[in-house]
C-alpha atoms as a PDB file:
ATOM      1  CA  MET A   1    -146.577 107.151 -30.134  1.00  0.00           C
ATOM      2  CA  CYS A   2    -145.157 106.525 -33.977  1.00  0.00           C
ATOM      3  CA  ARG A   3    -141.670 105.132 -33.577  1.00  0.00           C
ATOM      4  CA  SER A   4    -139.242 106.178 -36.447  1.00  0.00           C
ATOM      5  CA  LEU A   5    -136.895 104.327 -35.904  1.00  0.00           C
ATOM      6  CA  ALA A   6    -135.100 102.300 -38.606  1.00  0.00           C
ATOM      7  CA  ARG A   7    -133.837  98.759 -37.602  1.00  0.00           C
ATOM      8  CA  THR A   8    -130.177  97.716 -37.964  1.00  0.00           C
ATOM      9  CA  SER A   9    -128.279  94.625 -37.688  1.00  0.00           C
ATOM     10  CA  ASN A  10    -126.805  96.049 -33.653  1.00  0.00           C
ATOM     11  CA  GLY A  11    -129.797  98.329 -32.507  1.00  0.00           C
ATOM     12  CA  LEU A  12    -132.026 100.960 -33.599  1.00  0.00           C
ATOM     13  CA  LEU A  13    -131.188 103.948 -35.062  1.00  0.00           C
ATOM     14  CA  PRO A  14    -133.468 107.477 -35.691  1.00  0.00           C
ATOM     15  CA  PHE A  15    -135.132 107.368 -38.795  1.00  0.00           C
ATOM     16  CA  ALA A  16    -134.277 110.899 -38.715  1.00  0.00           C
ATOM     17  CA  ALA A  17    -130.209 110.577 -39.158  1.00  0.00           C
ATOM     18  CA  PRO A  18    -128.006 110.418 -42.034  1.00  0.00           C
ATOM     19  CA  ILE A  19    -127.218 107.259 -43.050  1.00  0.00           C
ATOM     20  CA  GLY A  20    -123.468 107.800 -42.583  1.00  0.00           C
ATOM     21  CA  ALA A  21    -124.084 108.778 -39.042  1.00  0.00           C
ATOM     22  CA  GLY A  22    -124.532 104.791 -38.479  1.00  0.00           C
ATOM     23  CA  HIS A  23    -120.732 104.755 -38.765  1.00  0.00           C
ATOM     24  CA  ILE A  24    -119.701 106.342 -35.800  1.00  0.00           C
ATOM     25  CA  TYR A  25    -121.006 104.392 -33.446  1.00  0.00           C
ATOM     26  CA  GLY A  26    -119.620 101.403 -35.261  1.00  0.00           C
ATOM     27  CA  ILE A  27    -123.290 100.476 -36.854  1.00  0.00           C
ATOM     28  CA  THR A  28    -123.876  99.332 -40.354  1.00  0.00           C
ATOM     29  CA  PRO A  29    -127.490 100.556 -41.475  1.00  0.00           C
ATOM     30  CA  ARG A  30    -129.432  98.783 -43.579  1.00  0.00           C
ATOM     31  CA  PRO A  31    -131.000 100.371 -46.956  1.00  0.00           C
ATOM     32  CA  ILE A  32    -133.285 102.475 -46.522  1.00  0.00           C
ATOM     33  CA  SER A  33    -135.682  99.656 -48.851  1.00  0.00           C
ATOM     34  CA  ASN A  34    -135.747  97.545 -45.661  1.00  0.00           C
ATOM     35  CA  VAL A  35    -137.246 100.085 -43.464  1.00  0.00           C
ATOM     36  CA  ARG A  36    -140.612  99.093 -42.998  1.00  0.00           C
ATOM     37  CA  LEU A  37    -142.844 101.691 -41.296  1.00  0.00           C
ATOM     38  CA  SER A  38    -146.274 101.681 -42.069  1.00  0.00           C
ATOM     39  CA  ALA A  39    -149.492 104.653 -41.304  1.00  0.00           C
ATOM     40  CA  ALA A  40    -151.318 102.020 -39.200  1.00  0.00           C
ATOM     41  CA  ALA A  41    -148.419 101.424 -36.845  1.00  0.00           C
ATOM     42  CA  CYS A  42    -147.957 105.800 -36.135  1.00  0.00           C
ATOM     43  CA  ILE A  43    -151.420 106.461 -35.790  1.00  0.00           C
ATOM     44  CA  GLY A  44    -153.024 103.052 -34.675  1.00  0.00           C
ATOM     45  CA  PRO A  45    -156.264 100.952 -36.863  1.00  0.00           C
ATOM     46  CA  ARG A  46    -158.773 102.913 -34.939  1.00  0.00           C
ATOM     47  CA  ALA A  47    -157.185 106.692 -35.782  1.00  0.00           C
ATOM     48  CA  ILE A  48    -157.130 105.952 -39.525  1.00  0.00           C
ATOM     49  CA  LYS A  49    -160.358 104.264 -39.695  1.00  0.00           C
ATOM     50  CA  ILE A  50    -162.002 107.690 -38.337  1.00  0.00           C
ATOM     51  CA  ILE A  51    -160.055 109.396 -40.934  1.00  0.00           C
ATOM     52  CA  MET A  52    -161.468 107.132 -43.304  1.00  0.00           C
ATOM     53  CA  MET A  53    -165.257 107.861 -41.755  1.00  0.00           C
ATOM     54  CA  PHE A  54    -164.057 111.770 -41.846  1.00  0.00           C
ATOM     55  CA  LEU A  55    -163.120 110.685 -45.582  1.00  0.00           C
ATOM     56  CA  ASN A  56    -166.817 109.507 -46.395  1.00  0.00           C
ATOM     57  CA  VAL A  57    -168.385 112.091 -44.809  1.00  0.00           C
ATOM     58  CA  LEU A  58    -166.027 114.528 -46.683  1.00  0.00           C
ATOM     59  CA  TYR A  59    -166.791 113.300 -49.892  1.00  0.00           C
ATOM     60  CA  SER A  60    -170.467 112.517 -49.529  1.00  0.00           C
ATOM     61  CA  ILE A  61    -171.078 116.323 -48.460  1.00  0.00           C
ATOM     62  CA  VAL A  62    -169.120 117.377 -51.485  1.00  0.00           C
ATOM     63  CA  ALA A  63    -170.984 115.217 -53.685  1.00  0.00           C
ATOM     64  CA  LEU A  64    -173.749 117.018 -53.312  1.00  0.00           C
ATOM     65  CA  VAL A  65    -172.594 120.528 -52.563  1.00  0.00           C
ATOM     66  CA  ALA A  66    -171.454 119.682 -56.178  1.00  0.00           C
ATOM     67  CA  LEU A  67    -174.996 119.645 -57.394  1.00  0.00           C
ATOM     68  CA  LEU A  68    -175.427 122.674 -56.686  1.00  0.00           C
ATOM     69  CA  ILE A  69    -173.117 124.019 -59.424  1.00  0.00           C
ATOM     70  CA  PRO A  70    -175.083 123.479 -62.658  1.00  0.00           C
ATOM     71  CA  GLY A  71    -178.108 124.963 -61.374  1.00  0.00           C
ATOM     72  CA  TYR A  72    -175.945 128.433 -60.243  1.00  0.00           C
ATOM     73  CA  ILE A  73    -174.531 128.352 -63.303  1.00  0.00           C
ATOM     74  CA  LEU A  74    -177.989 128.046 -64.987  1.00  0.00           C
ATOM     75  CA  ARG A  75    -179.025 130.846 -62.958  1.00  0.00           C
ATOM     76  CA  LYS A  76    -176.780 133.134 -63.698  1.00  0.00           C
ATOM     77  CA  CYS A  77    -176.488 132.129 -67.545  1.00  0.00           C
ATOM     78  CA  LYS A  78    -180.321 133.307 -67.181  1.00  0.00           C
ATOM     79  CA  MET A  79    -181.461 130.020 -68.342  1.00  0.00           C
ATOM     80  CA  ILE A  80    -183.232 129.967 -64.952  1.00  0.00           C
ATOM     81  CA  TYR A  81    -185.951 132.488 -64.391  1.00  0.00           C
ATOM     82  CA  LYS A  82    -187.042 133.118 -60.847  1.00  0.00           C
ATOM     83  CA  VAL A  83    -191.043 131.705 -62.126  1.00  0.00           C
ATOM     84  CA  SER A  84    -188.997 128.238 -62.270  1.00  0.00           C
ATOM     85  CA  VAL A  85    -187.907 128.841 -59.188  1.00  0.00           C
ATOM     86  CA  SER A  86    -190.777 128.340 -57.303  1.00  0.00           C
ATOM     87  CA  SER A  87    -192.606 126.121 -59.851  1.00  0.00           C
ATOM     88  CA  MET A  88    -189.273 123.004 -58.716  1.00  0.00           C
ATOM     89  CA  VAL A  89    -189.866 123.901 -55.248  1.00  0.00           C
ATOM     90  CA  SER A  90    -193.372 123.127 -55.205  1.00  0.00           C
ATOM     91  CA  ILE A  91    -192.032 119.360 -56.914  1.00  0.00           C
ATOM     92  CA  LEU A  92    -189.668 119.316 -54.372  1.00  0.00           C
ATOM     93  CA  LEU A  93    -192.481 120.183 -51.430  1.00  0.00           C
ATOM     94  CA  TYR A  94    -195.590 118.161 -53.203  1.00  0.00           C
ATOM     95  CA  VAL A  95    -193.567 115.590 -55.199  1.00  0.00           C
ATOM     96  CA  CYS A  96    -189.793 114.226 -53.969  1.00  0.00           C
ATOM     97  CA  GLN A  97    -190.394 114.980 -49.996  1.00  0.00           C
ATOM     98  CA  PRO A  98    -193.419 112.488 -49.808  1.00  0.00           C
ATOM     99  CA  ALA A  99    -191.186 110.087 -51.903  1.00  0.00           C
ATOM    100  CA  LEU A 100    -188.578 110.019 -50.040  1.00  0.00           C
ATOM    101  CA  ILE A 101    -190.385 109.068 -47.062  1.00  0.00           C
ATOM    102  CA  LEU A 102    -192.343 106.511 -48.578  1.00  0.00           C
ATOM    103  CA  LYS A 103    -189.064 105.053 -49.594  1.00  0.00           C
ATOM    104  CA  ALA A 104    -187.763 104.950 -45.894  1.00  0.00           C
ATOM    105  CA  PHE A 105    -190.255 103.274 -44.965  1.00  0.00           C
ATOM    106  CA  PHE A 106    -189.933 100.606 -47.183  1.00  0.00           C
ATOM    107  CA  TYR A 107    -189.992  97.201 -45.783  1.00  0.00           C
ATOM    108  CA  VAL A 108    -187.348  95.145 -47.426  1.00  0.00           C
ATOM    109  CA  PRO A 109    -186.598  91.347 -45.956  1.00  0.00           C
ATOM    110  CA  GLY A 110    -183.186  90.748 -44.544  1.00  0.00           C
ATOM    111  CA  GLU A 111    -182.886  94.314 -44.146  1.00  0.00           C
ATOM    112  CA  SER A 112    -184.977  96.332 -42.482  1.00  0.00           C
ATOM    113  CA  PRO A 113    -185.881  96.189 -38.953  1.00  0.00           C
ATOM    114  CA  ASP A 114    -188.784  94.557 -37.598  1.00  0.00           C
ATOM    115  CA  PRO A 115    -191.413  97.140 -37.317  1.00  0.00           C
ATOM    116  CA  LEU A 116    -192.940  95.881 -34.196  1.00  0.00           C
ATOM    117  CA  ASP A 117    -189.538  96.234 -32.375  1.00  0.00           C
ATOM    118  CA  PRO A 118    -190.073  97.941 -29.012  1.00  0.00           C
ATOM    119  CA  GLY A 119    -186.750  99.331 -29.124  1.00  0.00           C
ATOM    120  CA  LEU A 120    -187.452 101.049 -32.962  1.00  0.00           C
ATOM    121  CA  LEU A 121    -191.027 102.402 -32.049  1.00  0.00           C
ATOM    122  CA  LYS A 122    -189.169 104.119 -28.226  1.00  0.00           C
ATOM    123  CA  GLY A 123    -186.975 105.404 -30.797  1.00  0.00           C
ATOM    124  CA  MET A 124    -189.238 106.644 -33.380  1.00  0.00           C
ATOM    125  CA  GLY A 125    -191.120 108.627 -30.549  1.00  0.00           C
ATOM    126  CA  TYR A 126    -188.268 109.639 -28.908  1.00  0.00           C
ATOM    127  CA  THR A 127    -186.706 111.191 -32.455  1.00  0.00           C
ATOM    128  CA  PHE A 128    -190.155 112.727 -32.646  1.00  0.00           C
ATOM    129  CA  LEU A 129    -190.009 114.618 -29.318  1.00  0.00           C
ATOM    130  CA  PHE A 130    -186.850 115.539 -29.321  1.00  0.00           C
ATOM    131  CA  SER A 131    -186.667 117.042 -32.240  1.00  0.00           C
ATOM    132  CA  LEU A 132    -190.454 118.705 -31.871  1.00  0.00           C
ATOM    133  CA  VAL A 133    -188.729 120.253 -28.518  1.00  0.00           C
ATOM    134  CA  GLY A 134    -185.722 120.815 -29.691  1.00  0.00           C
ATOM    135  CA  MET A 135    -186.579 123.174 -32.393  1.00  0.00           C
ATOM    136  CA  VAL A 136    -188.864 124.888 -30.434  1.00  0.00           C
ATOM    137  CA  VAL A 137    -186.093 125.740 -27.991  1.00  0.00           C
ATOM    138  CA  PHE A 138    -184.222 127.214 -30.243  1.00  0.00           C
ATOM    139  CA  PHE A 139    -186.840 129.398 -31.791  1.00  0.00           C
ATOM    140  CA  PHE A 140    -186.995 130.833 -28.578  1.00  0.00           C
ATOM    141  CA  VAL A 141    -182.758 131.382 -28.432  1.00  0.00           C
ATOM    142  CA  VAL A 142    -182.794 132.465 -32.022  1.00  0.00           C
ATOM    143  CA  LYS A 143    -185.693 135.116 -31.330  1.00  0.00           C
ATOM    144  CA  LEU A 144    -183.700 135.995 -28.226  1.00  0.00           C
ATOM    145  CA  CYS A 145    -180.405 137.012 -30.725  1.00  0.00           C
ATOM    146  CA  TYR A 146    -182.726 139.403 -33.102  1.00  0.00           C
ATOM    147  CA  ILE A 147    -185.267 140.444 -30.392  1.00  0.00           C
ATOM    148  CA  ARG A 148    -183.758 143.746 -30.454  1.00  0.00           C
ATOM    149  CA  SER A 149    -183.435 144.154 -34.670  1.00  0.00           C
ATOM    150  CA  LYS A 150    -183.878 147.536 -36.172  1.00  0.00           C
ATOM    151  CA  LYS A 151    -185.127 145.273 -39.747  1.00  0.00           C
ATOM    152  CA  PRO A 152    -187.787 143.428 -38.450  1.00  0.00           C
ATOM    153  CA  ASP A 153    -188.069 141.870 -41.804  1.00  0.00           C
ATOM    154  CA  SER A 154    -184.472 140.432 -41.867  1.00  0.00           C
ATOM    155  CA  ALA A 155    -185.114 139.295 -38.357  1.00  0.00           C
ATOM    156  CA  ARG A 156    -187.354 137.097 -39.218  1.00  0.00           C
ATOM    157  CA  VAL A 157    -186.131 136.059 -42.298  1.00  0.00           C
ATOM    158  CA  TYR A 158    -182.923 135.485 -40.691  1.00  0.00           C
ATOM    159  CA  THR A 159    -184.581 133.295 -37.804  1.00  0.00           C
ATOM    160  CA  PHE A 160    -186.738 131.444 -40.268  1.00  0.00           C
ATOM    161  CA  ALA A 161    -183.178 130.018 -41.869  1.00  0.00           C
ATOM    162  CA  SER A 162    -181.695 129.401 -38.475  1.00  0.00           C
ATOM    163  CA  ILE A 163    -184.138 126.791 -37.438  1.00  0.00           C
ATOM    164  CA  PHE A 164    -185.467 125.468 -40.287  1.00  0.00           C
ATOM    165  CA  GLY A 165    -182.386 124.298 -42.598  1.00  0.00           C
ATOM    166  CA  ASN A 166    -182.364 122.167 -45.314  1.00  0.00           C
ATOM    167  CA  ILE A 167    -182.999 118.491 -43.946  1.00  0.00           C
ATOM    168  CA  GLY A 168    -186.390 118.137 -45.486  1.00  0.00           C
ATOM    169  CA  PHE A 169    -184.606 117.860 -48.699  1.00  0.00           C
ATOM    170  CA  ILE A 170    -181.502 116.306 -47.853  1.00  0.00           C
ATOM    171  CA  GLY A 171    -181.337 114.655 -44.987  1.00  0.00           C
ATOM    172  CA  ILE A 172    -182.316 111.734 -45.789  1.00  0.00           C
ATOM    173  CA  PRO A 173    -180.135 111.701 -49.191  1.00  0.00           C
ATOM    174  CA  PHE A 174    -177.111 112.950 -47.413  1.00  0.00           C
ATOM    175  CA  ILE A 175    -177.762 110.166 -44.173  1.00  0.00           C
ATOM    176  CA  SER A 176    -178.036 107.120 -46.996  1.00  0.00           C
ATOM    177  CA  ALA A 177    -174.555 108.726 -48.985  1.00  0.00           C
ATOM    178  CA  VAL A 178    -172.833 108.981 -45.979  1.00  0.00           C
ATOM    179  CA  MET A 179    -173.283 105.332 -44.216  1.00  0.00           C
ATOM    180  CA  ARG A 180    -174.424 103.094 -47.086  1.00  0.00           C
ATOM    181  CA  GLY A 181    -170.619 103.710 -48.030  1.00  0.00           C
ATOM    182  CA  ASN A 182    -169.368 102.922 -44.308  1.00  0.00           C
ATOM    183  CA  PRO A 183    -169.519  99.024 -43.739  1.00  0.00           C
ATOM    184  CA  ASP A 184    -169.913  99.443 -40.073  1.00  0.00           C
ATOM    185  CA  LEU A 185    -172.927 101.796 -40.398  1.00  0.00           C
ATOM    186  CA  SER A 186    -174.619  99.926 -43.624  1.00  0.00           C
ATOM    187  CA  ALA A 187    -176.725  97.559 -41.514  1.00  0.00           C
ATOM    188  CA  LEU A 188    -177.922 100.401 -39.407  1.00  0.00           C
ATOM    189  CA  LEU A 189    -179.118 102.134 -42.913  1.00  0.00           C
ATOM    190  CA  PRO A 190    -182.659 101.509 -42.559  1.00  0.00           C
ATOM    191  CA  ALA A 191    -183.219 102.473 -38.768  1.00  0.00           C
ATOM    192  CA  ALA A 192    -181.849 105.713 -39.865  1.00  0.00           C
ATOM    193  CA  LEU A 193    -183.783 106.387 -42.535  1.00  0.00           C
ATOM    194  CA  ILE A 194    -186.765 105.775 -40.300  1.00  0.00           C
ATOM    195  CA  TYR A 195    -186.180 108.010 -37.930  1.00  0.00           C
ATOM    196  CA  ALA A 196    -184.683 110.796 -40.462  1.00  0.00           C
ATOM    197  CA  ALA A 197    -188.441 110.434 -42.529  1.00  0.00           C
ATOM    198  CA  VAL A 198    -189.824 111.015 -38.246  1.00  0.00           C
ATOM    199  CA  ASN A 199    -187.702 114.435 -38.084  1.00  0.00           C
ATOM    200  CA  ASN A 200    -188.918 115.116 -41.429  1.00  0.00           C
ATOM    201  CA  VAL A 201    -192.557 114.968 -40.146  1.00  0.00           C
ATOM    202  CA  THR A 202    -191.779 116.602 -37.043  1.00  0.00           C
ATOM    203  CA  PHE A 203    -189.388 119.296 -39.881  1.00  0.00           C
ATOM    204  CA  ASN A 204    -192.985 119.888 -41.543  1.00  0.00           C
ATOM    205  CA  ILE A 205    -194.895 120.294 -38.550  1.00  0.00           C
ATOM    206  CA  LEU A 206    -193.508 123.200 -37.676  1.00  0.00           C
ATOM    207  CA  LEU A 207    -192.625 124.765 -40.886  1.00  0.00           C
ATOM    208  CA  TRP A 208    -196.314 124.760 -41.496  1.00  0.00           C
ATOM    209  CA  THR A 209    -197.229 126.572 -38.141  1.00  0.00           C
ATOM    210  CA  LEU A 210    -194.707 128.056 -36.119  1.00  0.00           C
ATOM    211  CA  GLY A 211    -192.674 128.652 -39.903  1.00  0.00           C
ATOM    212  CA  VAL A 212    -195.737 130.532 -41.269  1.00  0.00           C
ATOM    213  CA  TYR A 213    -195.875 132.598 -38.402  1.00  0.00           C
ATOM    214  CA  ILE A 214    -192.375 133.511 -38.127  1.00  0.00           C
ATOM    215  CA  ILE A 215    -192.918 134.956 -41.745  1.00  0.00           C
ATOM    216  CA  THR A 216    -196.444 136.660 -41.627  1.00  0.00           C
ATOM    217  CA  GLY A 217    -195.810 137.569 -37.662  1.00  0.00           C
ATOM    218  CA  ASP A 218    -199.615 136.532 -37.887  1.00  0.00           C
ATOM    219  CA  ARG A 219    -200.313 133.977 -34.988  1.00  0.00           C
ATOM    220  CA  LYS A 220    -203.661 133.453 -36.999  1.00  0.00           C
ATOM    221  CA  MET A 221    -202.037 132.377 -40.095  1.00  0.00           C
ATOM    222  CA  MET A 222    -201.249 129.034 -37.684  1.00  0.00           C
ATOM    223  CA  ARG A 223    -203.188 126.294 -38.592  1.00  0.00           C
ATOM    224  CA  PRO A 224    -203.248 123.008 -36.960  1.00  0.00           C
ATOM    225  CA  ARG A 225    -205.086 122.039 -39.737  1.00  0.00           C
ATOM    226  CA  LYS A 226    -202.188 122.756 -41.736  1.00  0.00           C
ATOM    227  CA  ALA A 227    -199.936 121.044 -39.676  1.00  0.00           C
ATOM    228  CA  LEU A 228    -201.307 117.655 -40.165  1.00  0.00           C
ATOM    229  CA  ILE A 229    -202.539 117.701 -43.653  1.00  0.00           C
ATOM    230  CA  ASN A 230    -199.122 118.747 -45.469  1.00  0.00           C
ATOM    231  CA  PRO A 231    -197.613 116.532 -48.446  1.00  0.00           C
ATOM    232  CA  SER A 232    -195.050 114.718 -46.225  1.00  0.00           C
ATOM    233  CA  CYS A 233    -198.054 113.295 -43.012  1.00  0.00           C
ATOM    234  CA  LEU A 234    -200.360 112.685 -45.374  1.00  0.00           C
ATOM    235  CA  MET A 235    -197.875 110.211 -46.914  1.00  0.00           C
ATOM    236  CA  LEU A 236    -197.598 108.582 -43.719  1.00  0.00           C
ATOM    237  CA  ILE A 237    -201.130 107.685 -44.733  1.00  0.00           C
ATOM    238  CA  PRO A 238    -199.527 104.905 -47.121  1.00  0.00           C
ATOM    239  CA  ALA A 239    -196.175 104.221 -45.753  1.00  0.00           C
ATOM    240  CA  LEU A 240    -196.700 103.194 -42.113  1.00  0.00           C
ATOM    241  CA  PRO A 241    -199.378 100.710 -42.896  1.00  0.00           C
ATOM    242  CA  LEU A 242    -197.402  99.445 -45.611  1.00  0.00           C
ATOM    243  CA  PHE A 243    -194.053  99.374 -43.091  1.00  0.00           C
ATOM    244  CA  PHE A 244    -196.167  97.515 -40.287  1.00  0.00           C
ATOM    245  CA  LEU A 245    -197.587  95.039 -42.514  1.00  0.00           C
ATOM    246  CA  ARG A 246    -194.386  94.210 -43.995  1.00  0.00           C
ATOM    247  CA  VAL A 247    -195.169  95.012 -47.405  1.00  0.00           C
ATOM    248  CA  HIS A 248    -192.788  94.290 -49.598  1.00  0.00           C
ATOM    249  CA  LEU A 249    -192.793  96.566 -52.522  1.00  0.00           C
ATOM    250  CA  GLU A 250    -190.451  94.889 -55.207  1.00  0.00           C
ATOM    251  CA  GLU A 251    -192.237  92.311 -55.187  1.00  0.00           C
ATOM    252  CA  VAL A 252    -195.328  93.286 -55.386  1.00  0.00           C
ATOM    253  CA  PHE A 253    -195.083  95.182 -58.564  1.00  0.00           C
ATOM    254  CA  SER A 254    -192.532  92.642 -60.162  1.00  0.00           C
END
């Protein structure tokens, strides 16, 4: 409990009491400047730590959301056209996202986890399995929500948006921004980025199969070949060998 009590020369006086009230009981209060009350004494160091972590996450979210503002303004000012948007999506899909996955598997001596650590390999397997099963289960849950919808086209769009969030583009940068600024979590950042990259691969496998089916409504459009031959999965071909062979790319290029 927070003790809002001011120490006096003869005892304790409630901090909320007026200064002159102490004389009624024969107590001479000390000046207010000598009262030492801190936030740590009121809520505890653990609570302060949680609040600081929350503020760090909030700051990261605000910073990422702020990046949307220039694009919104340019679109409203008709300085960016719909044709340009599809080109930007292609850059994100075929260049930026694979580059994020490659960066997540960069091996840095002294920072990256041991590539042959059983715990890391088991975590990668669990991440792939749980994200795959979770998204499929969530698909059926969302499907039930729109099963009686009178607007099938809108239902397909809402189903797709509910399952496939923006983790493909924003997941790795968000995790990096949150954990890099936290001394307690920064040591876990390299492993967290690897797990995020594995989740991105799962995301893209389902995006090019289940996602295509949701939008088109045609099961024939679900091609297993697309599930494996997409930009993110193809990037694993160079990324995984470089990681497991512990190739430090910065030293190679320098």
